[in-house]
C-alpha cells in the first residue's frame, strides 16, 4: 500500500511540473507575440510619419494656403512683373572750424540727406514706372542757428503702352512739395515764414507720346493740367489768382538725359517745361542737373544745378547750385 501511495505522489509531482512548464511556455509565447505586434505597430507609425513629412515638404505655398493651381500661377506671374526695385540714399556733410584765425573766417557746418526710391511693373504691352525723390539739408554759419538749405518731395507715376517700339502713348501724374516750413531771413536775423508743407503744393497730370530712342535719353510731349495748392501764402505762389486751388491747362514737354562718361562720372539732367495756353509768355521751366564723380563704391562728389522759372512766383530765374562730398549706398 505504501508503494502505491508513493507512486501516486511522484506521478502528481511530475504532472504538476509539466503543467508549470506549459504555463511558462505559454507566457513566453504570449509576451513574444505582443512584443512583435508592438514593434510592427511602431514601424508602421514611423513610416506614416515619414510619408506625411515628405508630403508636407512637397506641398507648395499655394497648396498650404488652400489656393488653386491657377491662382498660384497668377501670383508667380504677378511677382515676376514687378521689377527694378531701387532704394538709394546719400549723405553729405561739410564742416569748418576757426579759432583765433588771424586772416578771418567763420565756423560752419552743413548736412544733406537724399533718398531716392522706386519700382516698375512691366509686361508685354505696358510699362508702369513709379519714383519718389526726397532731399533735405540744413546749414549754420558762425554762431547762427541752423537754417534749411534744401527741402523737396517729388513723386511721379507714369503708365505707358508699348505699342510702337520707341514711341509709347502714356499717362502720368506727379506732385511736388516740401516737408517743413521755409523762412526768409532779414539782415538782423529775423525769420519770416514763407512756405510750408503743401503750401505751395504742385500737381500735374499729363498724357501724350513718350519717345525713347536710346537708354540714355527719353522725351515726353503731351497735354497737361497743372494745379497749384496754397493756404497762407496764396499771394506769393499763385500769382494774380486769389484762389487757393489754381488750375492751368497747357502742354507738358519733358526731356531726360542719363549717361556715363567713363567709369567714374555720371550725368543726370531733366528739363521740365510747361506751356500755359493762357499765357505762353509765362512758360514754367524746371531744369535739374547732377554730375556725380564716384571716388569709391560708396564715396562720391556731386555737383548739383537747379534752374526754376515760374512767373507766378517771380519774373526772374531762380538758380541753386551746390557742391558736396558724401557717402552713397544702394540698398537694391
C-alpha atoms as a PDB file:
ATOM      1  CA  UNK A   1       0.000   0.000   0.000  1.00  0.00           C
ATOM      2  CA  UNK A   2       2.830   2.383   0.856  1.00  0.00           C
ATOM      3  CA  UNK A   3       4.391   1.734  -2.535  1.00  0.00           C
ATOM      4  CA  UNK A   4       1.185   2.594  -4.323  1.00  0.00           C
ATOM      5  CA  UNK A   5       0.872   5.870  -2.425  1.00  0.00           C
ATOM      6  CA  UNK A   6       4.489   6.737  -3.134  1.00  0.00           C
ATOM      7  CA  UNK A   7       3.988   6.114  -6.873  1.00  0.00           C
ATOM      8  CA  UNK A   8       0.854   8.315  -6.925  1.00  0.00           C
ATOM      9  CA  UNK A   9       2.652  11.170  -5.154  1.00  0.00           C
ATOM     10  CA  UNK A  10       5.568  11.042  -7.558  1.00  0.00           C
ATOM     11  CA  UNK A  11       3.211  10.938 -10.561  1.00  0.00           C
ATOM     12  CA  UNK A  12       1.317  14.009  -9.220  1.00  0.00           C
ATOM     13  CA  UNK A  13       4.522  15.952  -8.730  1.00  0.00           C
ATOM     14  CA  UNK A  14       5.706  15.238 -12.288  1.00  0.00           C
ATOM     15  CA  UNK A  15       2.333  16.162 -13.737  1.00  0.00           C
ATOM     16  CA  UNK A  16       2.383  19.494 -11.873  1.00  0.00           C
ATOM     17  CA  UNK A  17       5.880  20.204 -13.103  1.00  0.00           C
ATOM     18  CA  UNK A  18       4.861  19.544 -16.672  1.00  0.00           C
ATOM     19  CA  UNK A  19       1.870  21.839 -16.228  1.00  0.00           C
ATOM     20  CA  UNK A  20       4.126  24.589 -14.912  1.00  0.00           C
ATOM     21  CA  UNK A  21       6.396  24.202 -17.911  1.00  0.00           C
ATOM     22  CA  UNK A  22       3.383  24.549 -20.203  1.00  0.00           C
ATOM     23  CA  UNK A  23       2.303  27.725 -18.428  1.00  0.00           C
ATOM     24  CA  UNK A  24       5.819  29.182 -18.687  1.00  0.00           C
ATOM     25  CA  UNK A  25       5.962  28.398 -22.404  1.00  0.00           C
ATOM     26  CA  UNK A  26       2.530  29.940 -22.884  1.00  0.00           C
ATOM     27  CA  UNK A  27       3.513  33.115 -21.096  1.00  0.00           C
ATOM     28  CA  UNK A  28       6.787  33.371 -23.046  1.00  0.00           C
ATOM     29  CA  UNK A  29       4.995  32.874 -26.361  1.00  0.00           C
ATOM     30  CA  UNK A  30       2.345  35.446 -25.451  1.00  0.00           C
ATOM     31  CA  UNK A  31       4.940  38.050 -24.468  1.00  0.00           C
ATOM     32  CA  UNK A  32       6.877  37.385 -27.662  1.00  0.00           C
ATOM     33  CA  UNK A  33       3.749  37.763 -29.792  1.00  0.00           C
ATOM     34  CA  UNK A  34       2.721  41.018 -28.096  1.00  0.00           C
ATOM     35  CA  UNK A  35       6.255  42.426 -28.444  1.00  0.00           C
ATOM     36  CA  UNK A  36       6.393  41.584 -32.143  1.00  0.00           C
ATOM     37  CA  UNK A  37       2.959  43.161 -32.695  1.00  0.00           C
ATOM     38  CA  UNK A  38       4.052  46.322 -30.863  1.00  0.00           C
ATOM     39  CA  UNK A  39       7.238  46.535 -32.926  1.00  0.00           C
ATOM     40  CA  UNK A  40       5.199  46.227 -36.125  1.00  0.00           C
ATOM     41  CA  UNK A  41       2.840  48.999 -34.982  1.00  0.00           C
ATOM     42  CA  UNK A  42       5.781  51.254 -34.114  1.00  0.00           C
ATOM     43  CA  UNK A  43       7.391  50.624 -37.531  1.00  0.00           C
ATOM     44  CA  UNK A  44       4.104  51.344 -39.329  1.00  0.00           C
ATOM     45  CA  UNK A  45       3.589  54.558 -37.331  1.00  0.00           C
ATOM     46  CA  UNK A  46       7.136  55.707 -38.110  1.00  0.00           C
ATOM     47  CA  UNK A  47       6.640  55.021 -41.813  1.00  0.00           C
ATOM     48  CA  UNK A  48       3.382  57.004 -41.770  1.00  0.00           C
ATOM     49  CA  UNK A  49       5.089  59.973 -40.095  1.00  0.00           C
ATOM     50  CA  UNK A  50       7.897  59.938 -42.673  1.00  0.00           C
ATOM     51  CA  UNK A  51       5.381  59.838 -45.532  1.00  0.00           C
ATOM     52  CA  UNK A  52       3.487  62.794 -44.021  1.00  0.00           C
ATOM     53  CA  UNK A  53       6.699  64.812 -43.655  1.00  0.00           C
ATOM     54  CA  UNK A  54       7.701  64.126 -47.254  1.00  0.00           C
ATOM     55  CA  UNK A  55       4.244  65.096 -48.467  1.00  0.00           C
ATOM     56  CA  UNK A  56       4.404  68.347 -46.468  1.00  0.00           C
ATOM     57  CA  UNK A  57       7.795  69.183 -48.000  1.00  0.00           C
ATOM     58  CA  UNK A  58       6.435  68.676 -51.497  1.00  0.00           C
ATOM     59  CA  UNK A  59       3.472  70.982 -50.896  1.00  0.00           C
ATOM     60  CA  UNK A  60       3.732  74.451 -52.421  1.00  0.00           C
ATOM     61  CA  UNK A  61       2.887  77.640 -50.603  1.00  0.00           C
ATOM     62  CA  UNK A  62      -0.307  77.846 -52.615  1.00  0.00           C
ATOM     63  CA  UNK A  63      -1.452  74.363 -51.533  1.00  0.00           C
ATOM     64  CA  UNK A  64      -0.718  75.168 -47.892  1.00  0.00           C
ATOM     65  CA  UNK A  65      -2.812  78.365 -48.229  1.00  0.00           C
ATOM     66  CA  UNK A  66      -5.536  76.439 -49.996  1.00  0.00           C
ATOM     67  CA  UNK A  67      -5.107  78.173 -53.374  1.00  0.00           C
ATOM     68  CA  UNK A  68      -5.895  76.582 -56.679  1.00  0.00           C
ATOM     69  CA  UNK A  69      -3.038  75.872 -59.077  1.00  0.00           C
ATOM     70  CA  UNK A  70      -4.173  78.627 -61.450  1.00  0.00           C
ATOM     71  CA  UNK A  71      -4.206  81.144 -58.610  1.00  0.00           C
ATOM     72  CA  UNK A  72      -0.670  80.162 -57.633  1.00  0.00           C
ATOM     73  CA  UNK A  73       0.460  80.602 -61.231  1.00  0.00           C
ATOM     74  CA  UNK A  74      -1.117  84.062 -61.310  1.00  0.00           C
ATOM     75  CA  UNK A  75       0.723  85.043 -58.134  1.00  0.00           C
ATOM     76  CA  UNK A  76       4.039  83.843 -59.575  1.00  0.00           C
ATOM     77  CA  UNK A  77       3.466  85.764 -62.808  1.00  0.00           C
ATOM     78  CA  UNK A  78       2.476  88.938 -60.944  1.00  0.00           C
ATOM     79  CA  UNK A  79       5.596  88.697 -58.796  1.00  0.00           C
ATOM     80  CA  UNK A  80       7.798  88.487 -61.889  1.00  0.00           C
ATOM     81  CA  UNK A  81       6.110  91.519 -63.475  1.00  0.00           C
ATOM     82  CA  UNK A  82       7.312  93.820 -60.674  1.00  0.00           C
ATOM     83  CA  UNK A  83      10.949  94.586 -61.353  1.00  0.00           C
ATOM     84  CA  UNK A  84      13.799  97.058 -60.961  1.00  0.00           C
ATOM     85  CA  UNK A  85      13.251  97.950 -57.286  1.00  0.00           C
ATOM     86  CA  UNK A  86      15.548 100.779 -56.212  1.00  0.00           C
ATOM     87  CA  UNK A  87      16.391 102.414 -52.934  1.00  0.00           C
ATOM     88  CA  UNK A  88      19.357 104.758 -52.788  1.00  0.00           C
ATOM     89  CA  UNK A  89      20.470 107.090 -50.058  1.00  0.00           C
ATOM     90  CA  UNK A  90      23.229 109.710 -49.978  1.00  0.00           C
ATOM     91  CA  UNK A  91      24.533 111.680 -47.025  1.00  0.00           C
ATOM     92  CA  UNK A  92      26.888 114.659 -47.311  1.00  0.00           C
ATOM     93  CA  UNK A  93      28.465 116.689 -44.516  1.00  0.00           C
ATOM     94  CA  UNK A  94      30.752 119.715 -44.572  1.00  0.00           C
ATOM     95  CA  UNK A  95      32.368 121.428 -41.605  1.00  0.00           C
ATOM     96  CA  UNK A  96      34.853 124.195 -40.936  1.00  0.00           C
ATOM     97  CA  UNK A  97      36.180 125.486 -37.610  1.00  0.00           C
ATOM     98  CA  UNK A  98      38.096 128.721 -36.875  1.00  0.00           C
ATOM     99  CA  UNK A  99      39.603 129.835 -33.590  1.00  0.00           C
ATOM    100  CA  UNK A 100      41.806 132.935 -33.298  1.00  0.00           C
ATOM    101  CA  UNK A 101      42.350 132.802 -37.059  1.00  0.00           C
ATOM    102  CA  UNK A 102      44.211 135.998 -37.957  1.00  0.00           C
ATOM    103  CA  UNK A 103      43.081 136.035 -41.576  1.00  0.00           C
ATOM    104  CA  UNK A 104      39.427 135.918 -40.546  1.00  0.00           C
ATOM    105  CA  UNK A 105      36.716 133.376 -41.145  1.00  0.00           C
ATOM    106  CA  UNK A 106      33.664 131.832 -39.515  1.00  0.00           C
ATOM    107  CA  UNK A 107      32.993 128.269 -38.464  1.00  0.00           C
ATOM    108  CA  UNK A 108      30.335 126.439 -40.431  1.00  0.00           C
ATOM    109  CA  UNK A 109      28.501 123.156 -40.527  1.00  0.00           C
ATOM    110  CA  UNK A 110      26.156 121.751 -43.160  1.00  0.00           C
ATOM    111  CA  UNK A 111      24.495 118.430 -43.931  1.00  0.00           C
ATOM    112  CA  UNK A 112      22.160 116.998 -46.542  1.00  0.00           C
ATOM    113  CA  UNK A 113      20.351 113.675 -46.992  1.00  0.00           C
ATOM    114  CA  UNK A 114      18.943 112.421 -50.294  1.00  0.00           C
ATOM    115  CA  UNK A 115      16.655 109.405 -50.616  1.00  0.00           C
ATOM    116  CA  UNK A 116      15.517 108.002 -53.960  1.00  0.00           C
ATOM    117  CA  UNK A 117      13.184 105.013 -54.270  1.00  0.00           C
ATOM    118  CA  UNK A 118      11.046 103.364 -56.910  1.00  0.00           C
ATOM    119  CA  UNK A 119       9.740 100.212 -58.533  1.00  0.00           C
ATOM    120  CA  UNK A 120       8.463  99.313 -62.011  1.00  0.00           C
ATOM    121  CA  UNK A 121       5.878  96.928 -63.393  1.00  0.00           C
ATOM    122  CA  UNK A 122       6.231  95.709 -66.967  1.00  0.00           C
ATOM    123  CA  UNK A 123       4.501  93.125 -69.132  1.00  0.00           C
ATOM    124  CA  UNK A 124       4.294  92.502 -72.871  1.00  0.00           C
ATOM    125  CA  UNK A 125       2.060  95.506 -73.521  1.00  0.00           C
ATOM    126  CA  UNK A 126       2.531  98.063 -70.739  1.00  0.00           C
ATOM    127  CA  UNK A 127       5.164  99.747 -68.594  1.00  0.00           C
ATOM    128  CA  UNK A 128       4.451 101.346 -65.202  1.00  0.00           C
ATOM    129  CA  UNK A 129       7.252 103.417 -63.610  1.00  0.00           C
ATOM    130  CA  UNK A 130       6.978 104.792 -60.047  1.00  0.00           C
ATOM    131  CA  UNK A 131       9.534 107.093 -58.378  1.00  0.00           C
ATOM    132  CA  UNK A 132       9.901 109.184 -55.258  1.00  0.00           C
ATOM    133  CA  UNK A 133      12.731 111.660 -54.645  1.00  0.00           C
ATOM    134  CA  UNK A 134      13.405 113.449 -51.373  1.00  0.00           C
ATOM    135  CA  UNK A 135      16.095 115.931 -50.334  1.00  0.00           C
ATOM    136  CA  UNK A 136      16.614 117.680 -47.023  1.00  0.00           C
ATOM    137  CA  UNK A 137      19.523 119.697 -45.688  1.00  0.00           C
ATOM    138  CA  UNK A 138      20.489 122.407 -43.215  1.00  0.00           C
ATOM    139  CA  UNK A 139      23.484 124.653 -42.550  1.00  0.00           C
ATOM    140  CA  UNK A 140      24.770 127.096 -39.982  1.00  0.00           C
ATOM    141  CA  UNK A 141      27.472 129.772 -40.156  1.00  0.00           C
ATOM    142  CA  UNK A 142      29.249 131.210 -37.168  1.00  0.00           C
ATOM    143  CA  UNK A 143      27.034 131.376 -34.100  1.00  0.00           C
ATOM    144  CA  UNK A 144      23.871 131.466 -36.178  1.00  0.00           C
ATOM    145  CA  UNK A 145      21.212 128.811 -35.822  1.00  0.00           C
ATOM    146  CA  UNK A 146      20.680 126.051 -38.366  1.00  0.00           C
ATOM    147  CA  UNK A 147      18.834 127.120 -41.497  1.00  0.00           C
ATOM    148  CA  UNK A 148      17.244 124.976 -44.156  1.00  0.00           C
ATOM    149  CA  UNK A 149      19.144 124.788 -47.450  1.00  0.00           C
ATOM    150  CA  UNK A 150      17.123 122.228 -49.397  1.00  0.00           C
ATOM    151  CA  UNK A 151      13.723 120.600 -48.869  1.00  0.00           C
ATOM    152  CA  UNK A 152      11.976 118.620 -51.602  1.00  0.00           C
ATOM    153  CA  UNK A 153       9.480 115.802 -52.026  1.00  0.00           C
ATOM    154  CA  UNK A 154       8.822 114.706 -55.605  1.00  0.00           C
ATOM    155  CA  UNK A 155       6.550 111.802 -56.550  1.00  0.00           C
ATOM    156  CA  UNK A 156       5.876 110.634 -60.104  1.00  0.00           C
ATOM    157  CA  UNK A 157       3.998 107.710 -61.642  1.00  0.00           C
ATOM    158  CA  UNK A 158       3.973 107.039 -65.393  1.00  0.00           C
ATOM    159  CA  UNK A 159       1.976 104.383 -67.262  1.00  0.00           C
ATOM    160  CA  UNK A 160       2.929 103.745 -70.900  1.00  0.00           C
ATOM    161  CA  UNK A 161       1.617 101.439 -73.615  1.00  0.00           C
ATOM    162  CA  UNK A 162       4.309  99.556 -75.547  1.00  0.00           C
ATOM    163  CA  UNK A 163       2.727  99.761 -78.983  1.00  0.00           C
ATOM    164  CA  UNK A 164       5.072 101.482 -81.451  1.00  0.00           C
ATOM    165  CA  UNK A 165       8.565 100.449 -80.383  1.00  0.00           C
ATOM    166  CA  UNK A 166      10.457 103.548 -79.222  1.00  0.00           C
ATOM    167  CA  UNK A 167       7.234 105.591 -79.296  1.00  0.00           C
ATOM    168  CA  UNK A 168       4.787 104.896 -76.470  1.00  0.00           C
ATOM    169  CA  UNK A 169       1.492 106.616 -75.570  1.00  0.00           C
ATOM    170  CA  UNK A 170       1.489 107.486 -71.870  1.00  0.00           C
ATOM    171  CA  UNK A 171      -0.410 108.983 -68.968  1.00  0.00           C
ATOM    172  CA  UNK A 172       1.328 110.336 -65.862  1.00  0.00           C
ATOM    173  CA  UNK A 173       0.736 112.084 -62.554  1.00  0.00           C
ATOM    174  CA  UNK A 174       3.245 113.827 -60.325  1.00  0.00           C
ATOM    175  CA  UNK A 175       3.408 116.017 -57.272  1.00  0.00           C
ATOM    176  CA  UNK A 176       5.933 118.329 -55.636  1.00  0.00           C
ATOM    177  CA  UNK A 177       6.067 119.990 -52.223  1.00  0.00           C
ATOM    178  CA  UNK A 178       8.281 120.322 -49.128  1.00  0.00           C
ATOM    179  CA  UNK A 179       8.445 118.748 -45.651  1.00  0.00           C
ATOM    180  CA  UNK A 180       8.974 121.601 -43.194  1.00  0.00           C
ATOM    181  CA  UNK A 181       8.300 125.362 -43.084  1.00  0.00           C
ATOM    182  CA  UNK A 182      10.611 127.640 -45.056  1.00  0.00           C
ATOM    183  CA  UNK A 183      11.753 131.055 -43.853  1.00  0.00           C
ATOM    184  CA  UNK A 184      13.042 134.301 -45.302  1.00  0.00           C
ATOM    185  CA  UNK A 185      15.669 135.989 -43.141  1.00  0.00           C
ATOM    186  CA  UNK A 186      16.167 139.725 -42.685  1.00  0.00           C
ATOM    187  CA  UNK A 187      19.607 141.296 -42.181  1.00  0.00           C
ATOM    188  CA  UNK A 188      19.076 141.279 -38.411  1.00  0.00           C
ATOM    189  CA  UNK A 189      18.311 137.547 -38.468  1.00  0.00           C
ATOM    190  CA  UNK A 190      14.548 137.882 -38.090  1.00  0.00           C
ATOM    191  CA  UNK A 191      12.791 134.882 -39.670  1.00  0.00           C
ATOM    192  CA  UNK A 192       9.539 135.172 -41.590  1.00  0.00           C
ATOM    193  CA  UNK A 193       7.712 132.014 -42.634  1.00  0.00           C
ATOM    194  CA  UNK A 194       7.093 131.969 -46.386  1.00  0.00           C
ATOM    195  CA  UNK A 195       6.197 128.326 -47.138  1.00  0.00           C
ATOM    196  CA  UNK A 196       5.254 125.016 -45.508  1.00  0.00           C
ATOM    197  CA  UNK A 197       4.081 121.516 -46.354  1.00  0.00           C
ATOM    198  CA  UNK A 198       1.570 121.675 -49.242  1.00  0.00           C
ATOM    199  CA  UNK A 199       1.733 125.470 -49.241  1.00  0.00           C
ATOM    200  CA  UNK A 200       2.578 125.533 -52.021  1.00  0.00           C
ATOM    201  CA  UNK A 201       1.931 122.079 -53.445  1.00  0.00           C
ATOM    202  CA  UNK A 202       2.158 121.422 -57.170  1.00  0.00           C
ATOM    203  CA  UNK A 203       0.442 118.621 -59.082  1.00  0.00           C
ATOM    204  CA  UNK A 204       0.341 117.778 -62.752  1.00  0.00           C
ATOM    205  CA  UNK A 205      -1.490 115.218 -64.880  1.00  0.00           C
ATOM    206  CA  UNK A 206      -0.424 114.685 -68.464  1.00  0.00           C
ATOM    207  CA  UNK A 207      -0.991 112.398 -71.435  1.00  0.00           C
ATOM    208  CA  UNK A 208       0.706 112.159 -74.783  1.00  0.00           C
ATOM    209  CA  UNK A 209       3.625 110.438 -76.525  1.00  0.00           C
ATOM    210  CA  UNK A 210       6.826 109.148 -74.961  1.00  0.00           C
ATOM    211  CA  UNK A 211       9.893 108.833 -77.198  1.00  0.00           C
ATOM    212  CA  UNK A 212      12.991 106.880 -76.117  1.00  0.00           C
ATOM    213  CA  UNK A 213      15.454 106.214 -78.952  1.00  0.00           C
ATOM    214  CA  UNK A 214      18.303 105.289 -76.557  1.00  0.00           C
ATOM    215  CA  UNK A 215      18.833 104.137 -72.978  1.00  0.00           C
ATOM    216  CA  UNK A 216      20.399 107.481 -72.029  1.00  0.00           C
ATOM    217  CA  UNK A 217      17.697 109.775 -73.494  1.00  0.00           C
ATOM    218  CA  UNK A 218      13.899 109.951 -73.340  1.00  0.00           C
ATOM    219  CA  UNK A 219      11.364 112.642 -74.083  1.00  0.00           C
ATOM    220  CA  UNK A 220       7.649 113.169 -73.394  1.00  0.00           C
ATOM    221  CA  UNK A 221       5.229 115.598 -75.025  1.00  0.00           C
ATOM    222  CA  UNK A 222       1.514 115.943 -74.391  1.00  0.00           C
ATOM    223  CA  UNK A 223      -1.405 117.828 -72.945  1.00  0.00           C
ATOM    224  CA  UNK A 224      -1.341 118.619 -69.238  1.00  0.00           C
ATOM    225  CA  UNK A 225      -3.262 120.010 -66.311  1.00  0.00           C
ATOM    226  CA  UNK A 226      -1.320 121.806 -63.579  1.00  0.00           C
ATOM    227  CA  UNK A 227      -2.672 122.556 -60.110  1.00  0.00           C
ATOM    228  CA  UNK A 228      -1.168 124.895 -57.528  1.00  0.00           C
ATOM    229  CA  UNK A 229      -2.378 124.439 -53.941  1.00  0.00           C
ATOM    230  CA  UNK A 230      -1.842 127.182 -51.358  1.00  0.00           C
ATOM    231  CA  UNK A 231      -3.184 128.155 -47.966  1.00  0.00           C
ATOM    232  CA  UNK A 232      -1.492 131.030 -46.133  1.00  0.00           C
ATOM    233  CA  UNK A 233       0.776 132.093 -48.983  1.00  0.00           C
ATOM    234  CA  UNK A 234      -1.599 132.299 -51.948  1.00  0.00           C
ATOM    235  CA  UNK A 235      -0.425 135.754 -52.993  1.00  0.00           C
ATOM    236  CA  UNK A 236       3.193 134.591 -53.056  1.00  0.00           C
ATOM    237  CA  UNK A 237       2.768 131.448 -55.197  1.00  0.00           C
ATOM    238  CA  UNK A 238      -0.500 131.734 -57.147  1.00  0.00           C
ATOM    239  CA  UNK A 239       0.279 134.972 -58.983  1.00  0.00           C
ATOM    240  CA  UNK A 240      -2.726 137.170 -59.651  1.00  0.00           C
ATOM    241  CA  UNK A 241      -5.186 134.407 -58.782  1.00  0.00           C
ATOM    242  CA  UNK A 242      -6.899 134.705 -55.382  1.00  0.00           C
ATOM    243  CA  UNK A 243      -7.868 131.029 -55.473  1.00  0.00           C
ATOM    244  CA  UNK A 244      -6.142 128.603 -53.144  1.00  0.00           C
ATOM    245  CA  UNK A 245      -6.620 125.949 -55.805  1.00  0.00           C
ATOM    246  CA  UNK A 246      -5.330 127.238 -59.124  1.00  0.00           C
ATOM    247  CA  UNK A 247      -5.812 125.079 -62.229  1.00  0.00           C
ATOM    248  CA  UNK A 248      -3.958 125.653 -65.521  1.00  0.00           C
ATOM    249  CA  UNK A 249      -4.309 123.948 -68.902  1.00  0.00           C
ATOM    250  CA  UNK A 250      -1.308 123.597 -71.155  1.00  0.00           C
ATOM    251  CA  UNK A 251       1.313 121.411 -72.785  1.00  0.00           C
ATOM    252  CA  UNK A 252       3.986 119.421 -70.971  1.00  0.00           C
ATOM    253  CA  UNK A 253       7.389 118.741 -72.570  1.00  0.00           C
ATOM    254  CA  UNK A 254       9.973 116.774 -70.591  1.00  0.00           C
ATOM    255  CA  UNK A 255      13.472 115.747 -71.676  1.00  0.00           C
ATOM    256  CA  UNK A 256      15.659 113.435 -69.561  1.00  0.00           C
ATOM    257  CA  UNK A 257      19.342 112.580 -70.010  1.00  0.00           C
ATOM    258  CA  UNK A 258      21.233 109.953 -68.055  1.00  0.00           C
ATOM    259  CA  UNK A 259      24.625 108.865 -69.330  1.00  0.00           C
ATOM    260  CA  UNK A 260      28.030 107.839 -68.056  1.00  0.00           C
ATOM    261  CA  UNK A 261      31.336 109.381 -69.025  1.00  0.00           C
ATOM    262  CA  UNK A 262      33.970 106.745 -68.449  1.00  0.00           C
ATOM    263  CA  UNK A 263      33.767 104.647 -65.316  1.00  0.00           C
ATOM    264  CA  UNK A 264      33.649 107.371 -62.688  1.00  0.00           C
ATOM    265  CA  UNK A 265      31.308 110.148 -63.898  1.00  0.00           C
ATOM    266  CA  UNK A 266      27.519 110.054 -64.308  1.00  0.00           C
ATOM    267  CA  UNK A 267      25.454 112.979 -65.635  1.00  0.00           C
ATOM    268  CA  UNK A 268      21.717 113.173 -64.981  1.00  0.00           C
ATOM    269  CA  UNK A 269      19.708 116.080 -66.339  1.00  0.00           C
ATOM    270  CA  UNK A 270      15.958 116.697 -66.577  1.00  0.00           C
ATOM    271  CA  UNK A 271      14.263 119.668 -68.233  1.00  0.00           C
ATOM    272  CA  UNK A 272      10.533 120.050 -67.477  1.00  0.00           C
ATOM    273  CA  UNK A 273       8.714 122.739 -69.487  1.00  0.00           C
ATOM    274  CA  UNK A 274       5.036 123.640 -69.049  1.00  0.00           C
ATOM    275  CA  UNK A 275       3.427 125.867 -71.690  1.00  0.00           C
ATOM    276  CA  UNK A 276       0.344 127.604 -70.286  1.00  0.00           C
ATOM    277  CA  UNK A 277      -2.255 128.088 -73.053  1.00  0.00           C
ATOM    278  CA  UNK A 278      -3.472 131.336 -71.462  1.00  0.00           C
ATOM    279  CA  UNK A 279      -0.015 132.873 -71.062  1.00  0.00           C
ATOM    280  CA  UNK A 280       2.586 131.370 -73.378  1.00  0.00           C
ATOM    281  CA  UNK A 281       4.966 134.184 -72.455  1.00  0.00           C
ATOM    282  CA  UNK A 282       4.956 132.870 -68.871  1.00  0.00           C
ATOM    283  CA  UNK A 283       6.176 129.368 -69.573  1.00  0.00           C
ATOM    284  CA  UNK A 284       7.267 127.416 -66.471  1.00  0.00           C
ATOM    285  CA  UNK A 285      10.725 125.819 -66.568  1.00  0.00           C
ATOM    286  CA  UNK A 286      12.228 123.356 -64.072  1.00  0.00           C
ATOM    287  CA  UNK A 287      15.746 122.232 -65.020  1.00  0.00           C
ATOM    288  CA  UNK A 288      17.675 119.994 -62.656  1.00  0.00           C
ATOM    289  CA  UNK A 289      21.164 118.606 -63.356  1.00  0.00           C
ATOM    290  CA  UNK A 290      23.508 116.483 -61.254  1.00  0.00           C
ATOM    291  CA  UNK A 291      27.064 115.418 -62.058  1.00  0.00           C
ATOM    292  CA  UNK A 292      28.338 112.619 -59.827  1.00  0.00           C
ATOM    293  CA  UNK A 293      32.001 111.638 -59.606  1.00  0.00           C
ATOM    294  CA  UNK A 294      32.500 108.236 -57.998  1.00  0.00           C
ATOM    295  CA  UNK A 295      35.639 108.186 -55.848  1.00  0.00           C
ATOM    296  CA  UNK A 296      34.975 104.724 -54.427  1.00  0.00           C
ATOM    297  CA  UNK A 297      31.958 102.413 -54.405  1.00  0.00           C
ATOM    298  CA  UNK A 298      30.469 104.413 -51.528  1.00  0.00           C
ATOM    299  CA  UNK A 299      32.175 107.814 -51.623  1.00  0.00           C
ATOM    300  CA  UNK A 300      31.381 110.397 -54.294  1.00  0.00           C
ATOM    301  CA  UNK A 301      31.404 114.070 -55.158  1.00  0.00           C
ATOM    302  CA  UNK A 302      28.224 115.650 -56.527  1.00  0.00           C
ATOM    303  CA  UNK A 303      27.704 118.928 -58.356  1.00  0.00           C
ATOM    304  CA  UNK A 304      24.034 119.944 -58.498  1.00  0.00           C
ATOM    305  CA  UNK A 305      22.470 122.759 -60.510  1.00  0.00           C
ATOM    306  CA  UNK A 306      18.795 123.757 -60.478  1.00  0.00           C
ATOM    307  CA  UNK A 307      17.103 126.488 -62.502  1.00  0.00           C
ATOM    308  CA  UNK A 308      13.430 127.290 -61.943  1.00  0.00           C
ATOM    309  CA  UNK A 309      11.326 129.882 -63.728  1.00  0.00           C
ATOM    310  CA  UNK A 310       7.735 130.412 -62.601  1.00  0.00           C
ATOM    311  CA  UNK A 311       6.284 133.834 -63.375  1.00  0.00           C
ATOM    312  CA  UNK A 312       3.576 133.319 -60.755  1.00  0.00           C
ATOM    313  CA  UNK A 313       6.290 133.402 -58.078  1.00  0.00           C
ATOM    314  CA  UNK A 314       8.934 135.745 -59.507  1.00  0.00           C
ATOM    315  CA  UNK A 315       9.618 137.000 -63.019  1.00  0.00           C
ATOM    316  CA  UNK A 316      13.269 136.029 -62.765  1.00  0.00           C
ATOM    317  CA  UNK A 317      15.121 132.762 -62.995  1.00  0.00           C
ATOM    318  CA  UNK A 318      15.702 131.111 -59.620  1.00  0.00           C
ATOM    319  CA  UNK A 319      19.106 129.375 -59.502  1.00  0.00           C
ATOM    320  CA  UNK A 320      20.536 126.972 -56.938  1.00  0.00           C
ATOM    321  CA  UNK A 321      23.968 125.296 -57.086  1.00  0.00           C
ATOM    322  CA  UNK A 322      25.772 123.018 -54.677  1.00  0.00           C
ATOM    323  CA  UNK A 323      28.994 121.020 -54.456  1.00  0.00           C
ATOM    324  CA  UNK A 324      29.164 118.182 -51.930  1.00  0.00           C
ATOM    325  CA  UNK A 325      31.283 115.235 -50.887  1.00  0.00           C
ATOM    326  CA  UNK A 326      29.303 112.416 -49.362  1.00  0.00           C
ATOM    327  CA  UNK A 327      28.550 108.769 -48.843  1.00  0.00           C
ATOM    328  CA  UNK A 328      26.059 106.981 -51.119  1.00  0.00           C
ATOM    329  CA  UNK A 329      24.645 103.479 -50.737  1.00  0.00           C
ATOM    330  CA  UNK A 330      22.350 101.437 -52.975  1.00  0.00           C
ATOM    331  CA  UNK A 331      20.250  99.070 -50.884  1.00  0.00           C
ATOM    332  CA  UNK A 332      18.999  97.409 -54.086  1.00  0.00           C
END
